[in-house]
């Protein structure tokens, strides 16, 4: 058994107190459900289920999971958002000064309708299509989150990229006065600001790629990437660039934040793949927030039917 000393454990790996107590409650009741666990994972559908006092009444959609949603409190208080700090509790604690309105998004590059759009104008006409997407999200831990948003493909179709555009690049806002993690003296994340991410055009056009504006039927909070962020549920969480202020269409693969900082650890594609270990840990299993035991990581986070065809013929050990 490998035992870590406190000095060996990164602060980002330490379980917050509220989740620790959740797991203690799980242990208390584990003996009552071991028979069910042995027979296989059985989870209730999240349609019409009440979680943290919030009811999801939307009918199940084509891409929705049946898995139980992660409680709202955890979704909004256990986050990776280095612009606000490296600990999971930092984004909620340090984002109080962040102003999500008014908001402008610049559209640039190989596109027929480049402009600086207000958020309302950018999404105008798309908002009636808004709905709840209950999706799994994976980092070193995982959640099931009811996102509110619109398909990225719908926006791209409106903006009309040229045939030469092969990639879409996204940049987050640069506000060191409101985002303490962007101040170089605070901590050494190794990231260059503003945070940059990107997708290949076919990935961006996949119906699972979302521009998210809300969580649990409420407007997204700053710690969740307000007022607009990217969600690609078949990829690891760092691909989900938050607080987007620039969308650029290009014929060259963008240099993304984590791929630039540590290319041997974080590839451009970042597809969830249990067969490819991170150099410092296995990715074959994951821990769902609020659960004590780990579960097997699914290829493409369980969305293989929807996305695997985009990577046909690629060596996903090299294109990690």
C-alpha atoms as a PDB file:
ATOM      1  CA  UNK A   1       0.000   0.000   0.000  1.00  0.00           C
ATOM      2  CA  UNK A   2       1.312   3.440  -0.918  1.00  0.00           C
ATOM      3  CA  UNK A   3       0.883   5.875   1.955  1.00  0.00           C
ATOM      4  CA  UNK A   4       1.360   9.582   1.269  1.00  0.00           C
ATOM      5  CA  UNK A   5       2.616  11.995   3.861  1.00  0.00           C
ATOM      6  CA  UNK A   6       0.719  15.265   4.207  1.00  0.00           C
ATOM      7  CA  UNK A   7       3.643  17.116   2.656  1.00  0.00           C
ATOM      8  CA  UNK A   8       3.419  14.865  -0.422  1.00  0.00           C
ATOM      9  CA  UNK A   9      -0.236  15.579  -1.152  1.00  0.00           C
ATOM     10  CA  UNK A  10      -1.109  18.454  -3.458  1.00  0.00           C
ATOM     11  CA  UNK A  11      -3.710  20.778  -2.008  1.00  0.00           C
ATOM     12  CA  UNK A  12      -5.854  20.185  -5.100  1.00  0.00           C
ATOM     13  CA  UNK A  13      -6.141  16.497  -4.116  1.00  0.00           C
ATOM     14  CA  UNK A  14      -7.410  17.111  -0.582  1.00  0.00           C
ATOM     15  CA  UNK A  15     -11.109  16.337  -0.163  1.00  0.00           C
ATOM     16  CA  UNK A  16     -13.142  19.347   1.047  1.00  0.00           C
ATOM     17  CA  UNK A  17     -14.874  18.958   4.391  1.00  0.00           C
ATOM     18  CA  UNK A  18     -18.415  18.811   3.001  1.00  0.00           C
ATOM     19  CA  UNK A  19     -17.476  15.977   0.630  1.00  0.00           C
ATOM     20  CA  UNK A  20     -15.643  14.169   3.429  1.00  0.00           C
ATOM     21  CA  UNK A  21     -18.835  14.147   5.480  1.00  0.00           C
ATOM     22  CA  UNK A  22     -20.794  12.951   2.455  1.00  0.00           C
ATOM     23  CA  UNK A  23     -18.454   9.993   2.178  1.00  0.00           C
ATOM     24  CA  UNK A  24     -18.756   9.226   5.884  1.00  0.00           C
ATOM     25  CA  UNK A  25     -22.513   9.030   5.424  1.00  0.00           C
ATOM     26  CA  UNK A  26     -21.938   6.742   2.457  1.00  0.00           C
ATOM     27  CA  UNK A  27     -19.841   4.382   4.586  1.00  0.00           C
ATOM     28  CA  UNK A  28     -22.553   4.259   7.234  1.00  0.00           C
ATOM     29  CA  UNK A  29     -25.080   2.992   4.716  1.00  0.00           C
ATOM     30  CA  UNK A  30     -22.759   0.976   2.480  1.00  0.00           C
ATOM     31  CA  UNK A  31     -23.536  -2.345   4.132  1.00  0.00           C
ATOM     32  CA  UNK A  32     -27.195  -1.920   3.219  1.00  0.00           C
ATOM     33  CA  UNK A  33     -26.457  -1.567  -0.478  1.00  0.00           C
ATOM     34  CA  UNK A  34     -23.576  -3.981  -0.997  1.00  0.00           C
ATOM     35  CA  UNK A  35     -25.956  -6.527  -2.493  1.00  0.00           C
ATOM     36  CA  UNK A  36     -27.068  -3.985  -5.081  1.00  0.00           C
ATOM     37  CA  UNK A  37     -23.489  -2.950  -5.818  1.00  0.00           C
ATOM     38  CA  UNK A  38     -22.514  -6.557  -6.398  1.00  0.00           C
ATOM     39  CA  UNK A  39     -25.309  -6.945  -8.917  1.00  0.00           C
ATOM     40  CA  UNK A  40     -24.190  -3.838 -10.820  1.00  0.00           C
ATOM     41  CA  UNK A  41     -24.538  -0.081 -10.644  1.00  0.00           C
ATOM     42  CA  UNK A  42     -28.192   0.922 -10.364  1.00  0.00           C
ATOM     43  CA  UNK A  43     -28.908   4.652 -10.509  1.00  0.00           C
ATOM     44  CA  UNK A  44     -32.242   6.475 -10.628  1.00  0.00           C
ATOM     45  CA  UNK A  45     -33.234   8.506 -13.665  1.00  0.00           C
ATOM     46  CA  UNK A  46     -32.762  12.231 -13.121  1.00  0.00           C
ATOM     47  CA  UNK A  47     -35.958  13.209 -14.913  1.00  0.00           C
ATOM     48  CA  UNK A  48     -38.347  14.781 -12.409  1.00  0.00           C
ATOM     49  CA  UNK A  49     -35.877  14.176  -9.589  1.00  0.00           C
ATOM     50  CA  UNK A  50     -35.360  16.673  -6.799  1.00  0.00           C
ATOM     51  CA  UNK A  51     -31.743  17.450  -5.977  1.00  0.00           C
ATOM     52  CA  UNK A  52     -30.836  20.021  -3.329  1.00  0.00           C
ATOM     53  CA  UNK A  53     -34.381  21.335  -3.507  1.00  0.00           C
ATOM     54  CA  UNK A  54     -34.226  21.909  -7.275  1.00  0.00           C
ATOM     55  CA  UNK A  55     -36.464  19.917  -9.622  1.00  0.00           C
ATOM     56  CA  UNK A  56     -35.548  18.908 -13.161  1.00  0.00           C
ATOM     57  CA  UNK A  57     -38.805  18.485 -15.111  1.00  0.00           C
ATOM     58  CA  UNK A  58     -37.365  18.428 -18.628  1.00  0.00           C
ATOM     59  CA  UNK A  59     -37.966  15.227 -20.597  1.00  0.00           C
ATOM     60  CA  UNK A  60     -34.930  13.079 -21.207  1.00  0.00           C
ATOM     61  CA  UNK A  61     -33.124  14.152 -24.350  1.00  0.00           C
ATOM     62  CA  UNK A  62     -31.149  12.177 -26.903  1.00  0.00           C
ATOM     63  CA  UNK A  63     -27.806  12.861 -25.240  1.00  0.00           C
ATOM     64  CA  UNK A  64     -28.904  12.974 -21.594  1.00  0.00           C
ATOM     65  CA  UNK A  65     -27.562  10.487 -19.084  1.00  0.00           C
ATOM     66  CA  UNK A  66     -29.879   8.620 -16.727  1.00  0.00           C
ATOM     67  CA  UNK A  67     -27.371   8.970 -13.904  1.00  0.00           C
ATOM     68  CA  UNK A  68     -28.193  10.832 -10.726  1.00  0.00           C
ATOM     69  CA  UNK A  69     -27.092  14.484 -10.887  1.00  0.00           C
ATOM     70  CA  UNK A  70     -24.392  15.742  -8.560  1.00  0.00           C
ATOM     71  CA  UNK A  71     -25.868  18.014  -5.849  1.00  0.00           C
ATOM     72  CA  UNK A  72     -25.945  21.709  -6.739  1.00  0.00           C
ATOM     73  CA  UNK A  73     -23.827  22.581  -3.699  1.00  0.00           C
ATOM     74  CA  UNK A  74     -20.965  20.395  -4.968  1.00  0.00           C
ATOM     75  CA  UNK A  75     -21.333  21.536  -8.582  1.00  0.00           C
ATOM     76  CA  UNK A  76     -20.902  25.141  -7.442  1.00  0.00           C
ATOM     77  CA  UNK A  77     -18.326  24.674  -4.672  1.00  0.00           C
ATOM     78  CA  UNK A  78     -15.895  22.043  -5.969  1.00  0.00           C
ATOM     79  CA  UNK A  79     -14.339  23.456  -9.111  1.00  0.00           C
ATOM     80  CA  UNK A  80     -11.197  23.683 -11.209  1.00  0.00           C
ATOM     81  CA  UNK A  81     -10.794  27.296 -12.329  1.00  0.00           C
ATOM     82  CA  UNK A  82      -7.204  28.402 -11.883  1.00  0.00           C
ATOM     83  CA  UNK A  83      -7.997  32.032 -12.655  1.00  0.00           C
ATOM     84  CA  UNK A  84      -9.514  32.078  -9.163  1.00  0.00           C
ATOM     85  CA  UNK A  85      -7.042  29.729  -7.425  1.00  0.00           C
ATOM     86  CA  UNK A  86      -5.692  26.204  -7.520  1.00  0.00           C
ATOM     87  CA  UNK A  87      -7.686  24.612  -4.686  1.00  0.00           C
ATOM     88  CA  UNK A  88     -11.112  23.211  -5.482  1.00  0.00           C
ATOM     89  CA  UNK A  89     -12.797  25.619  -3.037  1.00  0.00           C
ATOM     90  CA  UNK A  90     -10.952  28.707  -4.348  1.00  0.00           C
ATOM     91  CA  UNK A  91     -13.224  29.547  -7.304  1.00  0.00           C
ATOM     92  CA  UNK A  92     -16.325  29.894  -5.123  1.00  0.00           C
ATOM     93  CA  UNK A  93     -14.374  31.753  -2.437  1.00  0.00           C
ATOM     94  CA  UNK A  94     -12.451  34.117  -4.717  1.00  0.00           C
ATOM     95  CA  UNK A  95     -14.916  34.985  -7.483  1.00  0.00           C
ATOM     96  CA  UNK A  96     -17.135  37.422  -5.603  1.00  0.00           C
ATOM     97  CA  UNK A  97     -15.733  40.460  -7.442  1.00  0.00           C
ATOM     98  CA  UNK A  98     -16.166  38.960 -10.899  1.00  0.00           C
ATOM     99  CA  UNK A  99     -18.639  40.867 -13.117  1.00  0.00           C
ATOM    100  CA  UNK A 100     -20.343  38.691 -15.776  1.00  0.00           C
ATOM    101  CA  UNK A 101     -22.354  41.599 -17.213  1.00  0.00           C
ATOM    102  CA  UNK A 102     -22.143  43.363 -19.564  1.00  0.00           C
ATOM    103  CA  UNK A 103     -20.340  40.789 -21.733  1.00  0.00           C
ATOM    104  CA  UNK A 104     -18.841  40.959 -25.226  1.00  0.00           C
ATOM    105  CA  UNK A 105     -17.486  38.153 -27.396  1.00  0.00           C
ATOM    106  CA  UNK A 106     -15.174  38.879 -30.320  1.00  0.00           C
ATOM    107  CA  UNK A 107     -15.511  36.606 -33.371  1.00  0.00           C
ATOM    108  CA  UNK A 108     -12.413  36.595 -35.568  1.00  0.00           C
ATOM    109  CA  UNK A 109     -10.467  34.788 -38.258  1.00  0.00           C
ATOM    110  CA  UNK A 110     -11.747  32.683 -41.145  1.00  0.00           C
ATOM    111  CA  UNK A 111     -15.419  33.515 -40.787  1.00  0.00           C
ATOM    112  CA  UNK A 112     -17.931  35.479 -42.860  1.00  0.00           C
ATOM    113  CA  UNK A 113     -19.446  37.364 -39.925  1.00  0.00           C
ATOM    114  CA  UNK A 114     -16.564  38.634 -37.788  1.00  0.00           C
ATOM    115  CA  UNK A 115     -17.659  41.195 -35.223  1.00  0.00           C
ATOM    116  CA  UNK A 116     -17.710  42.093 -31.576  1.00  0.00           C
ATOM    117  CA  UNK A 117     -21.019  40.778 -30.253  1.00  0.00           C
ATOM    118  CA  UNK A 118     -22.804  41.389 -27.000  1.00  0.00           C
ATOM    119  CA  UNK A 119     -23.685  38.066 -25.408  1.00  0.00           C
ATOM    120  CA  UNK A 120     -27.373  38.698 -26.090  1.00  0.00           C
ATOM    121  CA  UNK A 121     -26.689  39.379 -29.774  1.00  0.00           C
ATOM    122  CA  UNK A 122     -24.364  36.381 -30.056  1.00  0.00           C
ATOM    123  CA  UNK A 123     -27.050  34.001 -28.816  1.00  0.00           C
ATOM    124  CA  UNK A 124     -30.038  35.872 -30.232  1.00  0.00           C
ATOM    125  CA  UNK A 125     -32.419  33.455 -31.858  1.00  0.00           C
ATOM    126  CA  UNK A 126     -30.622  30.491 -30.293  1.00  0.00           C
ATOM    127  CA  UNK A 127     -32.019  30.965 -26.802  1.00  0.00           C
ATOM    128  CA  UNK A 128     -35.441  29.430 -27.615  1.00  0.00           C
ATOM    129  CA  UNK A 129     -33.549  26.186 -28.210  1.00  0.00           C
ATOM    130  CA  UNK A 130     -32.060  26.281 -24.728  1.00  0.00           C
ATOM    131  CA  UNK A 131     -32.694  23.194 -22.660  1.00  0.00           C
ATOM    132  CA  UNK A 132     -31.135  21.110 -19.924  1.00  0.00           C
ATOM    133  CA  UNK A 133     -28.392  18.676 -20.910  1.00  0.00           C
ATOM    134  CA  UNK A 134     -27.613  16.163 -18.159  1.00  0.00           C
ATOM    135  CA  UNK A 135     -24.031  15.183 -18.891  1.00  0.00           C
ATOM    136  CA  UNK A 136     -21.127  13.398 -17.263  1.00  0.00           C
ATOM    137  CA  UNK A 137     -17.989  15.465 -16.790  1.00  0.00           C
ATOM    138  CA  UNK A 138     -14.597  13.978 -15.888  1.00  0.00           C
ATOM    139  CA  UNK A 139     -11.360  15.284 -14.444  1.00  0.00           C
ATOM    140  CA  UNK A 140      -9.521  13.328 -11.734  1.00  0.00           C
ATOM    141  CA  UNK A 141     -12.996  13.208 -10.197  1.00  0.00           C
ATOM    142  CA  UNK A 142     -16.338  13.260 -11.966  1.00  0.00           C
ATOM    143  CA  UNK A 143     -19.798  14.787 -11.753  1.00  0.00           C
ATOM    144  CA  UNK A 144     -23.152  14.587 -13.508  1.00  0.00           C
ATOM    145  CA  UNK A 145     -24.271  18.149 -14.218  1.00  0.00           C
ATOM    146  CA  UNK A 146     -27.551  19.505 -15.656  1.00  0.00           C
ATOM    147  CA  UNK A 147     -26.133  22.193 -17.941  1.00  0.00           C
ATOM    148  CA  UNK A 148     -28.286  24.802 -19.652  1.00  0.00           C
ATOM    149  CA  UNK A 149     -26.984  25.905 -23.014  1.00  0.00           C
ATOM    150  CA  UNK A 150     -27.072  25.759 -26.787  1.00  0.00           C
ATOM    151  CA  UNK A 151     -25.228  23.526 -29.246  1.00  0.00           C
ATOM    152  CA  UNK A 152     -21.997  25.146 -30.381  1.00  0.00           C
ATOM    153  CA  UNK A 153     -22.827  23.929 -33.905  1.00  0.00           C
ATOM    154  CA  UNK A 154     -25.862  26.230 -34.041  1.00  0.00           C
ATOM    155  CA  UNK A 155     -23.716  29.290 -33.367  1.00  0.00           C
ATOM    156  CA  UNK A 156     -21.022  28.199 -35.817  1.00  0.00           C
ATOM    157  CA  UNK A 157     -23.605  27.745 -38.565  1.00  0.00           C
ATOM    158  CA  UNK A 158     -24.818  31.294 -37.997  1.00  0.00           C
ATOM    159  CA  UNK A 159     -21.309  32.784 -38.044  1.00  0.00           C
ATOM    160  CA  UNK A 160     -20.465  30.976 -41.317  1.00  0.00           C
ATOM    161  CA  UNK A 161     -16.777  29.999 -41.115  1.00  0.00           C
ATOM    162  CA  UNK A 162     -15.024  29.739 -44.460  1.00  0.00           C
ATOM    163  CA  UNK A 163     -14.178  26.309 -45.928  1.00  0.00           C
ATOM    164  CA  UNK A 164     -10.530  26.905 -45.023  1.00  0.00           C
ATOM    165  CA  UNK A 165     -11.298  26.982 -41.285  1.00  0.00           C
ATOM    166  CA  UNK A 166     -10.244  23.691 -39.663  1.00  0.00           C
ATOM    167  CA  UNK A 167     -10.195  24.665 -35.974  1.00  0.00           C
ATOM    168  CA  UNK A 168     -12.006  26.899 -33.499  1.00  0.00           C
ATOM    169  CA  UNK A 169      -9.970  28.684 -30.814  1.00  0.00           C
ATOM    170  CA  UNK A 170     -11.465  30.077 -27.596  1.00  0.00           C
ATOM    171  CA  UNK A 171      -9.963  32.544 -25.138  1.00  0.00           C
ATOM    172  CA  UNK A 172     -11.111  33.468 -21.669  1.00  0.00           C
ATOM    173  CA  UNK A 173     -11.213  36.988 -20.277  1.00  0.00           C
ATOM    174  CA  UNK A 174      -8.151  38.649 -18.747  1.00  0.00           C
ATOM    175  CA  UNK A 175      -9.083  40.478 -15.530  1.00  0.00           C
ATOM    176  CA  UNK A 176      -6.357  40.141 -12.876  1.00  0.00           C
ATOM    177  CA  UNK A 177      -8.191  42.616 -10.616  1.00  0.00           C
ATOM    178  CA  UNK A 178     -11.175  40.252 -10.460  1.00  0.00           C
ATOM    179  CA  UNK A 179      -9.378  36.942 -11.068  1.00  0.00           C
ATOM    180  CA  UNK A 180      -6.561  36.654  -8.521  1.00  0.00           C
ATOM    181  CA  UNK A 181      -5.096  33.538 -10.112  1.00  0.00           C
ATOM    182  CA  UNK A 182      -4.071  35.606 -13.136  1.00  0.00           C
ATOM    183  CA  UNK A 183      -1.719  37.672 -10.979  1.00  0.00           C
ATOM    184  CA  UNK A 184       1.794  36.250 -11.426  1.00  0.00           C
ATOM    185  CA  UNK A 185       2.704  36.756  -7.783  1.00  0.00           C
ATOM    186  CA  UNK A 186      -0.116  34.593  -6.426  1.00  0.00           C
ATOM    187  CA  UNK A 187       1.001  31.099  -7.433  1.00  0.00           C
ATOM    188  CA  UNK A 188       2.930  29.361 -10.168  1.00  0.00           C
ATOM    189  CA  UNK A 189       0.395  27.392 -12.184  1.00  0.00           C
ATOM    190  CA  UNK A 190       2.669  27.319 -15.211  1.00  0.00           C
ATOM    191  CA  UNK A 191      -0.176  28.600 -17.387  1.00  0.00           C
ATOM    192  CA  UNK A 192       0.018  31.593 -19.693  1.00  0.00           C
ATOM    193  CA  UNK A 193      -2.978  33.908 -19.532  1.00  0.00           C
ATOM    194  CA  UNK A 194      -5.463  34.370 -21.012  1.00  0.00           C
ATOM    195  CA  UNK A 195      -6.509  30.714 -20.953  1.00  0.00           C
ATOM    196  CA  UNK A 196      -6.775  29.318 -24.489  1.00  0.00           C
ATOM    197  CA  UNK A 197      -8.506  26.196 -25.763  1.00  0.00           C
ATOM    198  CA  UNK A 198      -9.518  24.799 -29.124  1.00  0.00           C
ATOM    199  CA  UNK A 199     -11.414  22.151 -31.044  1.00  0.00           C
ATOM    200  CA  UNK A 200     -11.111  20.643 -34.467  1.00  0.00           C
ATOM    201  CA  UNK A 201     -14.034  21.811 -36.595  1.00  0.00           C
ATOM    202  CA  UNK A 202     -15.776  18.429 -36.670  1.00  0.00           C
ATOM    203  CA  UNK A 203     -15.544  18.289 -32.857  1.00  0.00           C
ATOM    204  CA  UNK A 204     -17.015  21.774 -32.568  1.00  0.00           C
ATOM    205  CA  UNK A 205     -19.894  20.752 -34.836  1.00  0.00           C
ATOM    206  CA  UNK A 206     -20.685  17.616 -32.833  1.00  0.00           C
ATOM    207  CA  UNK A 207     -24.072  18.011 -31.105  1.00  0.00           C
ATOM    208  CA  UNK A 208     -22.505  17.174 -27.734  1.00  0.00           C
ATOM    209  CA  UNK A 209     -20.340  20.327 -27.829  1.00  0.00           C
ATOM    210  CA  UNK A 210     -22.215  22.984 -25.870  1.00  0.00           C
ATOM    211  CA  UNK A 211     -21.978  26.654 -25.106  1.00  0.00           C
ATOM    212  CA  UNK A 212     -23.241  26.701 -21.536  1.00  0.00           C
ATOM    213  CA  UNK A 213     -24.918  29.631 -19.810  1.00  0.00           C
ATOM    214  CA  UNK A 214     -26.513  27.946 -16.803  1.00  0.00           C
ATOM    215  CA  UNK A 215     -26.435  25.161 -14.243  1.00  0.00           C
ATOM    216  CA  UNK A 216     -29.484  23.445 -12.688  1.00  0.00           C
ATOM    217  CA  UNK A 217     -31.814  25.825 -14.497  1.00  0.00           C
ATOM    218  CA  UNK A 218     -30.154  28.883 -12.970  1.00  0.00           C
ATOM    219  CA  UNK A 219     -27.665  31.296 -14.583  1.00  0.00           C
ATOM    220  CA  UNK A 220     -24.151  29.937 -14.208  1.00  0.00           C
ATOM    221  CA  UNK A 221     -22.136  31.318 -11.309  1.00  0.00           C
ATOM    222  CA  UNK A 222     -18.673  32.778 -11.773  1.00  0.00           C
ATOM    223  CA  UNK A 223     -17.010  29.607 -10.463  1.00  0.00           C
ATOM    224  CA  UNK A 224     -18.792  27.581 -13.162  1.00  0.00           C
ATOM    225  CA  UNK A 225     -17.586  29.803 -16.009  1.00  0.00           C
ATOM    226  CA  UNK A 226     -20.213  32.551 -16.213  1.00  0.00           C
ATOM    227  CA  UNK A 227     -21.542  33.975 -18.340  1.00  0.00           C
ATOM    228  CA  UNK A 228     -20.594  31.583 -21.172  1.00  0.00           C
ATOM    229  CA  UNK A 229     -18.309  28.558 -21.306  1.00  0.00           C
ATOM    230  CA  UNK A 230     -17.573  25.473 -23.383  1.00  0.00           C
ATOM    231  CA  UNK A 231     -18.573  21.936 -22.376  1.00  0.00           C
ATOM    232  CA  UNK A 232     -17.327  18.877 -24.297  1.00  0.00           C
ATOM    233  CA  UNK A 233     -18.385  15.914 -22.130  1.00  0.00           C
ATOM    234  CA  UNK A 234     -16.318  13.265 -23.941  1.00  0.00           C
ATOM    235  CA  UNK A 235     -13.116  15.155 -23.076  1.00  0.00           C
ATOM    236  CA  UNK A 236     -11.319  15.900 -19.816  1.00  0.00           C
ATOM    237  CA  UNK A 237     -12.499  18.956 -17.957  1.00  0.00           C
ATOM    238  CA  UNK A 238      -9.598  21.259 -18.777  1.00  0.00           C
ATOM    239  CA  UNK A 239     -10.927  21.535 -22.348  1.00  0.00           C
ATOM    240  CA  UNK A 240     -13.959  23.424 -20.992  1.00  0.00           C
ATOM    241  CA  UNK A 241     -12.702  26.987 -21.341  1.00  0.00           C
ATOM    242  CA  UNK A 242     -14.708  29.384 -19.184  1.00  0.00           C
ATOM    243  CA  UNK A 243     -15.778  33.043 -19.432  1.00  0.00           C
ATOM    244  CA  UNK A 244     -15.205  33.126 -23.189  1.00  0.00           C
ATOM    245  CA  UNK A 245     -14.491  36.516 -24.782  1.00  0.00           C
ATOM    246  CA  UNK A 246     -12.924  35.456 -28.097  1.00  0.00           C
ATOM    247  CA  UNK A 247     -13.825  32.851 -30.717  1.00  0.00           C
ATOM    248  CA  UNK A 248     -11.387  32.562 -33.618  1.00  0.00           C
ATOM    249  CA  UNK A 249     -11.649  30.339 -36.685  1.00  0.00           C
ATOM    250  CA  UNK A 250      -8.312  29.197 -38.080  1.00  0.00           C
ATOM    251  CA  UNK A 251      -6.651  26.677 -40.369  1.00  0.00           C
ATOM    252  CA  UNK A 252      -3.950  25.899 -37.783  1.00  0.00           C
ATOM    253  CA  UNK A 253      -4.243  23.851 -34.604  1.00  0.00           C
ATOM    254  CA  UNK A 254      -4.340  26.329 -31.700  1.00  0.00           C
ATOM    255  CA  UNK A 255      -1.697  26.218 -28.981  1.00  0.00           C
ATOM    256  CA  UNK A 256      -3.851  25.526 -25.947  1.00  0.00           C
ATOM    257  CA  UNK A 257      -3.090  26.460 -22.342  1.00  0.00           C
ATOM    258  CA  UNK A 258      -2.314  23.096 -20.766  1.00  0.00           C
ATOM    259  CA  UNK A 259      -0.788  21.655 -23.920  1.00  0.00           C
ATOM    260  CA  UNK A 260       1.623  24.591 -23.935  1.00  0.00           C
ATOM    261  CA  UNK A 261       2.394  24.325 -20.211  1.00  0.00           C
ATOM    262  CA  UNK A 262       2.925  20.544 -20.085  1.00  0.00           C
ATOM    263  CA  UNK A 263       2.703  18.903 -23.537  1.00  0.00           C
ATOM    264  CA  UNK A 264       3.904  15.542 -22.208  1.00  0.00           C
ATOM    265  CA  UNK A 265       0.897  15.454 -19.846  1.00  0.00           C
ATOM    266  CA  UNK A 266      -1.920  17.290 -21.611  1.00  0.00           C
ATOM    267  CA  UNK A 267      -2.587  16.721 -25.292  1.00  0.00           C
ATOM    268  CA  UNK A 268      -4.657  18.832 -27.631  1.00  0.00           C
ATOM    269  CA  UNK A 269      -7.460  16.271 -27.979  1.00  0.00           C
ATOM    270  CA  UNK A 270      -7.802  15.345 -24.276  1.00  0.00           C
ATOM    271  CA  UNK A 271     -10.337  12.602 -24.998  1.00  0.00           C
ATOM    272  CA  UNK A 272     -11.320  10.563 -21.957  1.00  0.00           C
ATOM    273  CA  UNK A 273      -9.354   7.343 -22.468  1.00  0.00           C
ATOM    274  CA  UNK A 274      -8.839   4.824 -19.635  1.00  0.00           C
ATOM    275  CA  UNK A 275      -6.055   3.160 -21.660  1.00  0.00           C
ATOM    276  CA  UNK A 276      -3.827   6.245 -21.594  1.00  0.00           C
ATOM    277  CA  UNK A 277      -2.387   7.120 -18.197  1.00  0.00           C
ATOM    278  CA  UNK A 278      -1.394  10.583 -17.183  1.00  0.00           C
ATOM    279  CA  UNK A 279       2.377  10.455 -16.506  1.00  0.00           C
ATOM    280  CA  UNK A 280       1.687  10.929 -12.791  1.00  0.00           C
ATOM    281  CA  UNK A 281      -1.456   8.858 -12.264  1.00  0.00           C
ATOM    282  CA  UNK A 282      -3.707   6.234 -13.762  1.00  0.00           C
ATOM    283  CA  UNK A 283      -6.807   7.342 -15.640  1.00  0.00           C
ATOM    284  CA  UNK A 284      -8.390   3.887 -15.642  1.00  0.00           C
ATOM    285  CA  UNK A 285     -10.765   4.821 -12.830  1.00  0.00           C
ATOM    286  CA  UNK A 286     -12.513   7.898 -11.495  1.00  0.00           C
ATOM    287  CA  UNK A 287     -14.293   8.938  -8.326  1.00  0.00           C
ATOM    288  CA  UNK A 288     -17.751  10.426  -8.606  1.00  0.00           C
ATOM    289  CA  UNK A 289     -18.183  13.343  -6.228  1.00  0.00           C
ATOM    290  CA  UNK A 290     -20.143  12.181  -3.191  1.00  0.00           C
ATOM    291  CA  UNK A 291     -19.202   8.525  -3.680  1.00  0.00           C
ATOM    292  CA  UNK A 292     -16.622   6.608  -1.693  1.00  0.00           C
ATOM    293  CA  UNK A 293     -15.578   3.956  -4.201  1.00  0.00           C
ATOM    294  CA  UNK A 294     -13.982   4.581  -7.574  1.00  0.00           C
ATOM    295  CA  UNK A 295     -15.620   3.418 -10.780  1.00  0.00           C
ATOM    296  CA  UNK A 296     -14.174   2.292 -14.084  1.00  0.00           C
ATOM    297  CA  UNK A 297     -13.543   5.132 -16.524  1.00  0.00           C
ATOM    298  CA  UNK A 298     -15.472   4.711 -19.773  1.00  0.00           C
ATOM    299  CA  UNK A 299     -13.952   5.367 -23.174  1.00  0.00           C
ATOM    300  CA  UNK A 300     -14.964   8.855 -24.317  1.00  0.00           C
ATOM    301  CA  UNK A 301     -16.671   9.127 -20.922  1.00  0.00           C
ATOM    302  CA  UNK A 302     -19.438   6.855 -22.179  1.00  0.00           C
ATOM    303  CA  UNK A 303     -20.204   8.910 -25.298  1.00  0.00           C
ATOM    304  CA  UNK A 304     -18.422   6.642 -27.807  1.00  0.00           C
ATOM    305  CA  UNK A 305     -21.561   6.135 -29.900  1.00  0.00           C
ATOM    306  CA  UNK A 306     -21.728   9.865 -30.533  1.00  0.00           C
ATOM    307  CA  UNK A 307     -18.042  10.752 -31.009  1.00  0.00           C
ATOM    308  CA  UNK A 308     -15.844   7.723 -31.792  1.00  0.00           C
ATOM    309  CA  UNK A 309     -16.307   8.091 -35.554  1.00  0.00           C
ATOM    310  CA  UNK A 310     -14.438  11.432 -35.472  1.00  0.00           C
ATOM    311  CA  UNK A 311     -11.240   9.644 -34.437  1.00  0.00           C
ATOM    312  CA  UNK A 312     -11.427   6.634 -36.763  1.00  0.00           C
ATOM    313  CA  UNK A 313      -7.940   5.612 -37.861  1.00  0.00           C
ATOM    314  CA  UNK A 314      -6.176   7.801 -35.277  1.00  0.00           C
ATOM    315  CA  UNK A 315      -3.749   6.419 -32.710  1.00  0.00           C
ATOM    316  CA  UNK A 316      -5.368   7.749 -29.550  1.00  0.00           C
ATOM    317  CA  UNK A 317      -2.268   6.904 -27.503  1.00  0.00           C
ATOM    318  CA  UNK A 318      -0.310   9.455 -29.525  1.00  0.00           C
ATOM    319  CA  UNK A 319      -3.182  11.855 -30.148  1.00  0.00           C
ATOM    320  CA  UNK A 320      -4.005  12.018 -26.443  1.00  0.00           C
END
